[in-house]
Amino acid sequence: MTRVVAIDGPAGSGKSSVSRETARRLGYGFLDTGAAYRALTWWALDLEIDVHDHDAIASLLADFPYSISMDPDHEHMRVGEVEVTDAIREPRISLNVSAIATNPRVREWMKTFTRQLVENSGYPGVVAEGRDMTTVVFPDAETRILLTAREEVRIARRAGETTATADVTAKSITERDAKDSTVIDFMNAAPGVTVVDSSDIDFNQTVDTVVGLCTGGNA
């Protein structure tokens, strides 16, 4: 049975980079679950479908040709034959993805889809990061972590990762967190979930902390 390390947190908290490096150190697969929401957003926009039309978006799910690599050293996402790894990080996707991520039928489909990806990963374990990994998708995961940081820290980190202006980045983060908070609480740890605040520690210290939680301090 595949071991699961579930990591949640708000935008810009470092979930993806920390989870990816944790997976490398443990020899696990890495799953960025938010990429699926972004890829579906990209597809809907490409098809000129209104992302706010819940029924229209839900109708796409049965034929959503999405694939993702779980190799932490070779990340890629595809929709059909189209490589969308870079395209799904564009500002237009960030500004529209919440409409997809708050669609109840999309979230239910993603829960099942994510569990199947992990089960069929071929890895001894998978570090799965997102918004509801610790509470909805993998509530029984062996390790459950809420990775967070102060808002100004998260905005500064995300600004360094994108080509968007600081104002656009701040707006993207605050609006995304506010909208997604209407369907899932990823700002507060559920019972049994360990909080790791990376505001005042560097990347390697954060990874060391997470790996230690996964290994019982025997990293």
C-alpha atoms as a PDB file:
ATOM      1  CA  MET A   1       0.000   0.000   0.000  1.00  0.00           C
ATOM      2  CA  THR A   2       1.356   3.424  -0.966  1.00  0.00           C
ATOM      3  CA  ARG A   3       2.346   5.605   1.984  1.00  0.00           C
ATOM      4  CA  VAL A   4       0.926   9.112   1.835  1.00  0.00           C
ATOM      5  CA  VAL A   5       2.399  12.341   3.148  1.00  0.00           C
ATOM      6  CA  ALA A   6      -0.416  14.917   2.926  1.00  0.00           C
ATOM      7  CA  ILE A   7       0.557  18.598   2.926  1.00  0.00           C
ATOM      8  CA  ASP A   8      -1.891  21.495   2.794  1.00  0.00           C
ATOM      9  CA  GLY A   9      -1.500  25.241   3.005  1.00  0.00           C
ATOM     10  CA  PRO A  10      -2.342  28.625   1.532  1.00  0.00           C
ATOM     11  CA  ALA A  11      -0.938  30.046  -1.704  1.00  0.00           C
ATOM     12  CA  GLY A  12       2.739  30.955  -1.534  1.00  0.00           C
ATOM     13  CA  SER A  13       3.430  28.901   1.571  1.00  0.00           C
ATOM     14  CA  GLY A  14       6.029  26.821  -0.255  1.00  0.00           C
ATOM     15  CA  LYS A  15       3.936  23.654  -0.515  1.00  0.00           C
ATOM     16  CA  SER A  16       5.153  22.665  -3.953  1.00  0.00           C
ATOM     17  CA  SER A  17       8.883  23.284  -3.522  1.00  0.00           C
ATOM     18  CA  VAL A  18       9.018  21.816  -0.017  1.00  0.00           C
ATOM     19  CA  SER A  19       6.908  18.811  -0.991  1.00  0.00           C
ATOM     20  CA  ARG A  20       9.016  18.166  -4.087  1.00  0.00           C
ATOM     21  CA  GLU A  21      12.285  18.204  -2.133  1.00  0.00           C
ATOM     22  CA  THR A  22      10.761  16.061   0.613  1.00  0.00           C
ATOM     23  CA  ALA A  23       9.763  13.509  -2.014  1.00  0.00           C
ATOM     24  CA  ARG A  24      13.315  13.513  -3.423  1.00  0.00           C
ATOM     25  CA  ARG A  25      14.859  12.872  -0.024  1.00  0.00           C
ATOM     26  CA  LEU A  26      12.421  10.089   0.818  1.00  0.00           C
ATOM     27  CA  GLY A  27      12.462   8.441  -2.618  1.00  0.00           C
ATOM     28  CA  TYR A  28       8.739   9.119  -2.994  1.00  0.00           C
ATOM     29  CA  GLY A  29       6.586  10.430  -5.793  1.00  0.00           C
ATOM     30  CA  PHE A  30       5.486  14.060  -5.743  1.00  0.00           C
ATOM     31  CA  LEU A  31       1.930  15.112  -6.583  1.00  0.00           C
ATOM     32  CA  ASP A  32       0.967  18.757  -7.060  1.00  0.00           C
ATOM     33  CA  THR A  33      -2.801  18.352  -6.863  1.00  0.00           C
ATOM     34  CA  GLY A  34      -3.463  22.008  -7.603  1.00  0.00           C
ATOM     35  CA  ALA A  35      -1.983  21.489 -11.062  1.00  0.00           C
ATOM     36  CA  ALA A  36      -5.056  19.487 -12.054  1.00  0.00           C
ATOM     37  CA  TYR A  37      -7.349  22.403 -11.200  1.00  0.00           C
ATOM     38  CA  ARG A  38      -5.074  24.724 -13.133  1.00  0.00           C
ATOM     39  CA  ALA A  39      -4.960  22.364 -16.117  1.00  0.00           C
ATOM     40  CA  LEU A  40      -8.747  22.120 -16.159  1.00  0.00           C
ATOM     41  CA  THR A  41      -8.889  25.922 -16.040  1.00  0.00           C
ATOM     42  CA  TRP A  42      -6.474  26.102 -18.969  1.00  0.00           C
ATOM     43  CA  TRP A  43      -8.577  23.619 -20.935  1.00  0.00           C
ATOM     44  CA  ALA A  44     -11.838  25.460 -20.235  1.00  0.00           C
ATOM     45  CA  LEU A  45     -10.330  28.776 -21.302  1.00  0.00           C
ATOM     46  CA  ASP A  46      -8.839  27.134 -24.397  1.00  0.00           C
ATOM     47  CA  LEU A  47     -12.286  25.818 -25.270  1.00  0.00           C
ATOM     48  CA  GLU A  48     -13.795  29.253 -24.530  1.00  0.00           C
ATOM     49  CA  ILE A  49     -16.047  27.845 -21.818  1.00  0.00           C
ATOM     50  CA  ASP A  50     -17.149  30.120 -18.989  1.00  0.00           C
ATOM     51  CA  VAL A  51     -15.236  28.956 -15.891  1.00  0.00           C
ATOM     52  CA  HIS A  52     -18.138  30.170 -13.721  1.00  0.00           C
ATOM     53  CA  ASP A  53     -20.634  27.869 -15.458  1.00  0.00           C
ATOM     54  CA  HIS A  54     -20.522  24.940 -13.027  1.00  0.00           C
ATOM     55  CA  ASP A  55     -22.586  22.643 -15.224  1.00  0.00           C
ATOM     56  CA  ALA A  56     -20.480  23.293 -18.317  1.00  0.00           C
ATOM     57  CA  ILE A  57     -17.250  22.717 -16.404  1.00  0.00           C
ATOM     58  CA  ALA A  58     -18.563  19.541 -14.777  1.00  0.00           C
ATOM     59  CA  SER A  59     -19.484  18.200 -18.210  1.00  0.00           C
ATOM     60  CA  LEU A  60     -15.803  18.329 -19.188  1.00  0.00           C
ATOM     61  CA  LEU A  61     -14.629  15.970 -16.445  1.00  0.00           C
ATOM     62  CA  ALA A  62     -15.491  12.649 -18.065  1.00  0.00           C
ATOM     63  CA  ASP A  63     -13.215  13.431 -21.013  1.00  0.00           C
ATOM     64  CA  PHE A  64     -10.551  15.510 -19.258  1.00  0.00           C
ATOM     65  CA  PRO A  65      -7.327  14.173 -20.893  1.00  0.00           C
ATOM     66  CA  TYR A  66      -5.004  15.156 -18.068  1.00  0.00           C
ATOM     67  CA  SER A  67      -1.757  13.472 -17.116  1.00  0.00           C
ATOM     68  CA  ILE A  68       0.966  14.384 -14.651  1.00  0.00           C
ATOM     69  CA  SER A  69       4.411  13.064 -13.843  1.00  0.00           C
ATOM     70  CA  MET A  70       5.065  12.238 -10.181  1.00  0.00           C
ATOM     71  CA  ASP A  71       8.823  12.139 -10.629  1.00  0.00           C
ATOM     72  CA  PRO A  72      10.068  15.035  -8.454  1.00  0.00           C
ATOM     73  CA  ASP A  73      12.980  15.566 -10.844  1.00  0.00           C
ATOM     74  CA  HIS A  74      10.953  15.613 -14.056  1.00  0.00           C
ATOM     75  CA  GLU A  75       7.768  17.571 -13.534  1.00  0.00           C
ATOM     76  CA  HIS A  76       5.342  17.847 -16.421  1.00  0.00           C
ATOM     77  CA  MET A  77       1.612  18.179 -16.944  1.00  0.00           C
ATOM     78  CA  ARG A  78      -0.244  17.504 -20.177  1.00  0.00           C
ATOM     79  CA  VAL A  79      -3.763  17.982 -21.445  1.00  0.00           C
ATOM     80  CA  GLY A  80      -4.025  15.518 -24.272  1.00  0.00           C
ATOM     81  CA  GLU A  81      -0.853  15.980 -26.302  1.00  0.00           C
ATOM     82  CA  VAL A  82      -0.312  19.557 -25.147  1.00  0.00           C
ATOM     83  CA  GLU A  83       2.414  20.254 -22.592  1.00  0.00           C
ATOM     84  CA  VAL A  84       0.887  22.757 -20.146  1.00  0.00           C
ATOM     85  CA  THR A  85       3.509  22.737 -17.374  1.00  0.00           C
ATOM     86  CA  ASP A  86       4.395  26.398 -17.896  1.00  0.00           C
ATOM     87  CA  ALA A  87       1.080  27.581 -19.300  1.00  0.00           C
ATOM     88  CA  ILE A  88      -0.876  26.693 -16.155  1.00  0.00           C
ATOM     89  CA  ARG A  89       1.284  29.110 -14.114  1.00  0.00           C
ATOM     90  CA  GLU A  90       0.324  32.129 -16.207  1.00  0.00           C
ATOM     91  CA  PRO A  91      -1.510  35.000 -14.446  1.00  0.00           C
ATOM     92  CA  ARG A  92      -4.720  34.376 -16.395  1.00  0.00           C
ATOM     93  CA  ILE A  93      -4.888  30.881 -14.939  1.00  0.00           C
ATOM     94  CA  SER A  94      -4.180  32.099 -11.407  1.00  0.00           C
ATOM     95  CA  LEU A  95      -6.965  34.660 -11.695  1.00  0.00           C
ATOM     96  CA  ASN A  96      -9.532  32.092 -12.929  1.00  0.00           C
ATOM     97  CA  VAL A  97      -8.653  28.853 -11.147  1.00  0.00           C
ATOM     98  CA  SER A  98     -10.745  29.550  -8.042  1.00  0.00           C
ATOM     99  CA  ALA A  99     -13.907  29.389 -10.141  1.00  0.00           C
ATOM    100  CA  ILE A 100     -12.909  25.831 -11.043  1.00  0.00           C
ATOM    101  CA  ALA A 101     -11.593  24.859  -7.609  1.00  0.00           C
ATOM    102  CA  THR A 102     -14.802  25.917  -5.836  1.00  0.00           C
ATOM    103  CA  ASN A 103     -17.043  23.876  -8.136  1.00  0.00           C
ATOM    104  CA  PRO A 104     -18.424  21.067  -5.878  1.00  0.00           C
ATOM    105  CA  ARG A 105     -18.594  18.496  -8.675  1.00  0.00           C
ATOM    106  CA  VAL A 106     -15.033  19.243  -9.741  1.00  0.00           C
ATOM    107  CA  ARG A 107     -13.814  18.844  -6.162  1.00  0.00           C
ATOM    108  CA  GLU A 108     -15.568  15.512  -5.768  1.00  0.00           C
ATOM    109  CA  TRP A 109     -14.131  14.254  -9.056  1.00  0.00           C
ATOM    110  CA  MET A 110     -10.661  15.459  -8.095  1.00  0.00           C
ATOM    111  CA  LYS A 111     -10.823  13.572  -4.788  1.00  0.00           C
ATOM    112  CA  THR A 112     -11.387  10.261  -6.540  1.00  0.00           C
ATOM    113  CA  PHE A 113      -8.923  11.097  -9.318  1.00  0.00           C
ATOM    114  CA  THR A 114      -6.178  12.005  -6.839  1.00  0.00           C
ATOM    115  CA  ARG A 115      -6.614   8.815  -4.838  1.00  0.00           C
ATOM    116  CA  GLN A 116      -6.361   6.764  -8.038  1.00  0.00           C
ATOM    117  CA  LEU A 117      -3.190   8.584  -9.104  1.00  0.00           C
ATOM    118  CA  VAL A 118      -1.520   7.821  -5.781  1.00  0.00           C
ATOM    119  CA  GLU A 119      -2.683   4.211  -5.708  1.00  0.00           C
ATOM    120  CA  ASN A 120      -1.304   3.594  -9.189  1.00  0.00           C
ATOM    121  CA  SER A 121       1.849   5.692  -8.801  1.00  0.00           C
ATOM    122  CA  GLY A 122       4.315   2.817  -8.510  1.00  0.00           C
ATOM    123  CA  TYR A 123       6.147   4.643  -5.719  1.00  0.00           C
ATOM    124  CA  PRO A 124       6.469   3.349  -2.138  1.00  0.00           C
ATOM    125  CA  GLY A 125       5.089   6.672  -1.010  1.00  0.00           C
ATOM    126  CA  VAL A 126       3.720   9.923  -2.436  1.00  0.00           C
ATOM    127  CA  VAL A 127       3.950  13.441  -1.062  1.00  0.00           C
ATOM    128  CA  ALA A 128       0.609  14.958  -2.069  1.00  0.00           C
ATOM    129  CA  GLU A 129       0.181  18.698  -1.620  1.00  0.00           C
ATOM    130  CA  GLY A 130      -2.848  20.902  -2.042  1.00  0.00           C
ATOM    131  CA  ARG A 131      -5.690  22.489  -0.106  1.00  0.00           C
ATOM    132  CA  ASP A 132      -7.659  19.531   1.250  1.00  0.00           C
ATOM    133  CA  MET A 133      -5.193  16.649   1.313  1.00  0.00           C
ATOM    134  CA  THR A 134      -5.129  16.376   5.115  1.00  0.00           C
ATOM    135  CA  THR A 135      -8.880  16.632   5.626  1.00  0.00           C
ATOM    136  CA  VAL A 136     -10.809  15.385   2.584  1.00  0.00           C
ATOM    137  CA  VAL A 137      -8.633  13.395   0.207  1.00  0.00           C
ATOM    138  CA  PHE A 138      -6.271  11.637   2.620  1.00  0.00           C
ATOM    139  CA  PRO A 139      -7.662  12.128   6.138  1.00  0.00           C
ATOM    140  CA  ASP A 140      -6.015   8.858   7.224  1.00  0.00           C
ATOM    141  CA  ALA A 141      -2.557   9.637   5.796  1.00  0.00           C
ATOM    142  CA  GLU A 142       0.372   8.532   7.931  1.00  0.00           C
ATOM    143  CA  THR A 143       1.736  12.096   7.984  1.00  0.00           C
ATOM    144  CA  ARG A 144      -0.472  15.185   7.728  1.00  0.00           C
ATOM    145  CA  ILE A 145       1.017  18.674   7.698  1.00  0.00           C
ATOM    146  CA  LEU A 146      -0.308  22.218   7.354  1.00  0.00           C
ATOM    147  CA  LEU A 147       2.504  24.320   5.872  1.00  0.00           C
ATOM    148  CA  THR A 148       1.964  28.022   6.337  1.00  0.00           C
ATOM    149  CA  ALA A 149       3.670  31.408   6.523  1.00  0.00           C
ATOM    150  CA  ARG A 150       2.666  35.000   7.168  1.00  0.00           C
ATOM    151  CA  GLU A 151       0.832  36.635   4.265  1.00  0.00           C
ATOM    152  CA  GLU A 152       3.554  39.172   3.470  1.00  0.00           C
ATOM    153  CA  VAL A 153       6.108  36.369   3.323  1.00  0.00           C
ATOM    154  CA  ARG A 154       3.921  34.309   1.013  1.00  0.00           C
ATOM    155  CA  ILE A 155       3.345  37.238  -1.335  1.00  0.00           C
ATOM    156  CA  ALA A 156       7.069  37.998  -1.529  1.00  0.00           C
ATOM    157  CA  ARG A 157       7.892  34.365  -2.278  1.00  0.00           C
ATOM    158  CA  ARG A 158       5.278  34.033  -4.990  1.00  0.00           C
ATOM    159  CA  ALA A 159       6.349  37.332  -6.568  1.00  0.00           C
ATOM    160  CA  GLY A 160       9.812  35.880  -7.003  1.00  0.00           C
ATOM    161  CA  GLU A 161       8.407  32.878  -8.861  1.00  0.00           C
ATOM    162  CA  THR A 162       6.288  34.620 -11.487  1.00  0.00           C
ATOM    163  CA  THR A 163       6.550  37.301 -14.144  1.00  0.00           C
ATOM    164  CA  ALA A 164       3.488  39.076 -12.772  1.00  0.00           C
ATOM    165  CA  THR A 165       3.737  42.440 -11.033  1.00  0.00           C
ATOM    166  CA  ALA A 166       3.749  42.622  -7.238  1.00  0.00           C
ATOM    167  CA  ASP A 167       0.203  44.020  -7.229  1.00  0.00           C
ATOM    168  CA  VAL A 168      -1.094  41.224  -9.447  1.00  0.00           C
ATOM    169  CA  THR A 169       0.672  38.621  -7.313  1.00  0.00           C
ATOM    170  CA  ALA A 170      -0.764  40.007  -4.080  1.00  0.00           C
ATOM    171  CA  LYS A 171      -4.241  40.154  -5.590  1.00  0.00           C
ATOM    172  CA  SER A 172      -3.945  36.609  -6.912  1.00  0.00           C
ATOM    173  CA  ILE A 173      -2.914  35.197  -3.528  1.00  0.00           C
ATOM    174  CA  THR A 174      -5.422  37.064  -1.376  1.00  0.00           C
ATOM    175  CA  GLU A 175      -8.353  36.477  -3.736  1.00  0.00           C
ATOM    176  CA  ARG A 176      -7.481  32.816  -4.273  1.00  0.00           C
ATOM    177  CA  ASP A 177      -7.239  32.168  -0.537  1.00  0.00           C
ATOM    178  CA  ALA A 178     -10.484  34.022   0.144  1.00  0.00           C
ATOM    179  CA  LYS A 179     -12.439  32.191  -2.564  1.00  0.00           C
ATOM    180  CA  ASP A 180     -11.036  28.749  -1.802  1.00  0.00           C
ATOM    181  CA  SER A 181     -11.715  29.259   1.907  1.00  0.00           C
ATOM    182  CA  THR A 182     -15.425  29.146   1.080  1.00  0.00           C
ATOM    183  CA  VAL A 183     -15.168  25.412   0.367  1.00  0.00           C
ATOM    184  CA  ILE A 184     -12.257  24.203   2.525  1.00  0.00           C
ATOM    185  CA  ASP A 185     -10.387  25.463   5.592  1.00  0.00           C
ATOM    186  CA  PHE A 186      -6.697  25.301   4.742  1.00  0.00           C
ATOM    187  CA  MET A 187      -5.646  28.086   7.107  1.00  0.00           C
ATOM    188  CA  ASN A 188      -6.253  26.157  10.309  1.00  0.00           C
ATOM    189  CA  ALA A 189      -5.003  22.687  11.169  1.00  0.00           C
ATOM    190  CA  ALA A 190      -7.579  19.945  11.675  1.00  0.00           C
ATOM    191  CA  PRO A 191      -7.158  17.589  14.638  1.00  0.00           C
ATOM    192  CA  GLY A 192      -4.058  15.430  14.176  1.00  0.00           C
ATOM    193  CA  VAL A 193      -2.492  17.762  11.598  1.00  0.00           C
ATOM    194  CA  THR A 194       0.923  19.255  12.437  1.00  0.00           C
ATOM    195  CA  VAL A 195       1.531  22.934  11.667  1.00  0.00           C
ATOM    196  CA  VAL A 196       4.863  23.951  10.141  1.00  0.00           C
ATOM    197  CA  ASP A 197       5.280  27.743   9.925  1.00  0.00           C
ATOM    198  CA  SER A 198       8.096  28.624   7.525  1.00  0.00           C
ATOM    199  CA  SER A 199       7.908  32.402   7.973  1.00  0.00           C
ATOM    200  CA  ASP A 200      11.184  32.649   9.858  1.00  0.00           C
ATOM    201  CA  ILE A 201      13.088  29.582   8.664  1.00  0.00           C
ATOM    202  CA  ASP A 202      14.730  28.983   5.314  1.00  0.00           C
ATOM    203  CA  PHE A 203      13.891  26.411   2.685  1.00  0.00           C
ATOM    204  CA  ASN A 204      16.288  23.699   3.862  1.00  0.00           C
ATOM    205  CA  GLN A 205      15.182  24.095   7.459  1.00  0.00           C
ATOM    206  CA  THR A 206      11.572  23.747   6.380  1.00  0.00           C
ATOM    207  CA  VAL A 207      12.329  20.594   4.404  1.00  0.00           C
ATOM    208  CA  ASP A 208      14.332  19.169   7.306  1.00  0.00           C
ATOM    209  CA  THR A 209      11.346  19.755   9.584  1.00  0.00           C
ATOM    210  CA  VAL A 210       8.910  18.055   7.195  1.00  0.00           C
ATOM    211  CA  VAL A 211      11.213  15.099   6.521  1.00  0.00           C
ATOM    212  CA  GLY A 212      11.691  14.715  10.260  1.00  0.00           C
ATOM    213  CA  LEU A 213       7.953  14.496  10.746  1.00  0.00           C
ATOM    214  CA  CYS A 214       7.761  11.828   8.048  1.00  0.00           C
ATOM    215  CA  THR A 215      10.556   9.729   9.500  1.00  0.00           C
ATOM    216  CA  GLY A 216      10.063  10.290  13.192  1.00  0.00           C
ATOM    217  CA  GLY A 217      13.249  12.335  13.323  1.00  0.00           C
ATOM    218  CA  ASN A 218      15.347   9.592  11.693  1.00  0.00           C
ATOM    219  CA  ALA A 219      15.976  11.334   8.370  1.00  0.00           C
END
